[in-house]
Amino acid sequence: MVLPGGGTAVIELGGNITLNGFQDRDYAELIVVKKIVGRYARQISDSHEGFQRLDITLAVKEGKHTIAVACTVGEKRTDALASEPNLFVALDAALKNAVQRLG
């Protein structure tokens, strides 16, 4: 899922996790983002055999942070989206939605 206004710089975490559009975040925000993403990635890989990829895209427009998550487990791709004024709330909501959709 690609969001309009999402950045093009990609940050890779561990080879199977990518963060798109996070290049303008400050260092402290990135640390928290990585911890949140890492926690959910661990949860997904522990509960779903065949976890392959987690792609997260951030777009900021009019003070809202929109997060798109694409998670690939085996042959199945699951997409989730959340939009909130707070970056961390949006990220948590989108990842939580993706985990629920995976089952």
Protein backbone atom coordinates (compact mmCIF):
# COMPACT_ATOMS: atom_id res chain seq x y z
CA MET A 1 0.00 0.00 0.00
CA VAL A 2 1.51 3.33 -1.06
CA LEU A 3 0.31 6.57 0.42
CA PRO A 4 0.42 9.90 -1.38
CA GLY A 5 2.84 12.18 0.41
CA GLY A 6 4.85 9.26 1.78
CA GLY A 7 8.61 9.72 1.62
CA THR A 8 10.88 7.77 -0.68
CA ALA A 9 13.78 7.10 1.70
CA VAL A 10 13.63 3.60 3.12
CA ILE A 11 14.94 2.52 6.50
CA GLU A 12 15.51 -1.24 6.75
CA LEU A 13 15.29 -3.09 10.05
CA GLY A 14 16.60 -6.63 10.15
CA GLY A 15 16.20 -7.31 6.44
CA ASN A 16 12.47 -8.08 6.41
CA ILE A 17 11.10 -4.84 7.87
CA THR A 18 11.05 -1.53 6.00
CA LEU A 19 10.02 1.94 7.13
CA ASN A 20 9.08 4.35 4.35
CA GLY A 21 8.58 8.07 4.92
CA PHE A 22 10.27 8.14 8.33
CA GLN A 23 13.44 9.89 7.13
CA ASP A 24 12.38 13.28 8.59
CA ARG A 25 11.66 11.92 12.09
CA ASP A 26 14.12 12.86 14.81
CA TYR A 27 16.36 10.30 16.49
CA ALA A 28 14.25 9.93 19.65
CA GLU A 29 11.06 9.34 17.64
CA LEU A 30 12.82 6.73 15.49
CA ILE A 31 13.93 4.80 18.57
CA VAL A 32 10.32 4.57 19.81
CA VAL A 33 9.07 3.70 16.30
CA LYS A 34 11.63 0.88 16.03
CA LYS A 35 10.66 -0.51 19.44
CA ILE A 36 6.93 -0.50 18.57
CA VAL A 37 7.55 -2.08 15.16
CA GLY A 38 9.96 -4.64 16.61
CA ARG A 39 7.45 -5.71 19.26
CA TYR A 40 4.73 -6.30 16.66
CA ALA A 41 7.15 -7.99 14.22
CA ARG A 42 8.16 -10.41 16.98
CA GLN A 43 4.51 -11.08 17.82
CA ILE A 44 3.69 -11.79 14.16
CA SER A 45 6.72 -14.02 13.56
CA ASP A 46 6.09 -15.97 16.78
CA SER A 47 2.44 -16.64 15.99
CA HIS A 48 2.55 -17.01 12.19
CA GLU A 49 4.89 -19.46 10.56
CA GLY A 50 6.08 -18.15 7.22
CA PHE A 51 6.39 -14.47 8.21
CA GLN A 52 8.26 -12.85 5.33
CA ARG A 53 7.92 -9.09 5.31
CA LEU A 54 6.56 -6.05 7.12
CA ASP A 55 6.41 -2.76 5.22
CA ILE A 56 5.31 0.39 7.01
CA THR A 57 4.68 3.70 5.26
CA LEU A 58 4.15 7.08 6.92
CA ALA A 59 2.47 10.10 5.34
CA VAL A 60 1.84 13.35 7.21
CA LYS A 61 -0.83 15.72 5.97
CA GLU A 62 -2.58 18.55 7.79
CA GLY A 63 -1.23 17.43 11.16
CA LYS A 64 -2.41 13.82 10.78
CA HIS A 65 -0.04 10.87 10.65
CA THR A 66 -1.31 8.16 8.34
CA ILE A 67 0.33 4.76 8.65
CA ALA A 68 -0.08 2.02 6.06
CA VAL A 69 1.07 -1.48 7.01
CA ALA A 70 1.61 -4.32 4.55
CA CYS A 71 2.43 -7.67 6.15
CA THR A 72 3.31 -10.76 4.15
CA VAL A 73 2.97 -14.19 5.74
CA GLY A 74 3.52 -17.02 3.30
CA GLU A 75 1.55 -16.19 0.17
CA LYS A 76 -0.93 -13.95 2.01
CA ARG A 77 -0.55 -10.17 2.15
CA THR A 78 -2.51 -8.23 4.75
CA ASP A 79 -2.94 -4.45 4.59
CA ALA A 80 -3.98 -2.11 7.39
CA LEU A 81 -4.33 1.64 7.69
CA ALA A 82 -4.66 4.11 10.57
CA SER A 83 -4.68 7.88 10.78
CA GLU A 84 -4.20 9.87 14.01
CA PRO A 85 -2.70 13.19 15.08
CA ASN A 86 -0.14 11.30 17.22
CA LEU A 87 2.47 9.28 15.30
CA PHE A 88 2.80 6.56 17.93
CA VAL A 89 -0.95 6.09 18.34
CA ALA A 90 -1.34 5.81 14.55
CA LEU A 91 1.52 3.30 14.32
CA ASP A 92 0.16 1.16 17.16
CA ALA A 93 -3.38 1.22 15.72
CA ALA A 94 -2.24 0.22 12.21
CA LEU A 95 -0.04 -2.62 13.48
CA LYS A 96 -2.74 -3.85 15.86
CA ASN A 97 -5.21 -3.85 12.96
CA ALA A 98 -2.77 -5.86 10.82
CA VAL A 99 -2.28 -8.44 13.58
CA GLN A 100 -6.05 -8.81 14.01
CA ARG A 101 -6.54 -9.28 10.28
CA LEU A 102 -3.88 -11.99 10.21
CA GLY A 103 -5.95 -13.90 12.75
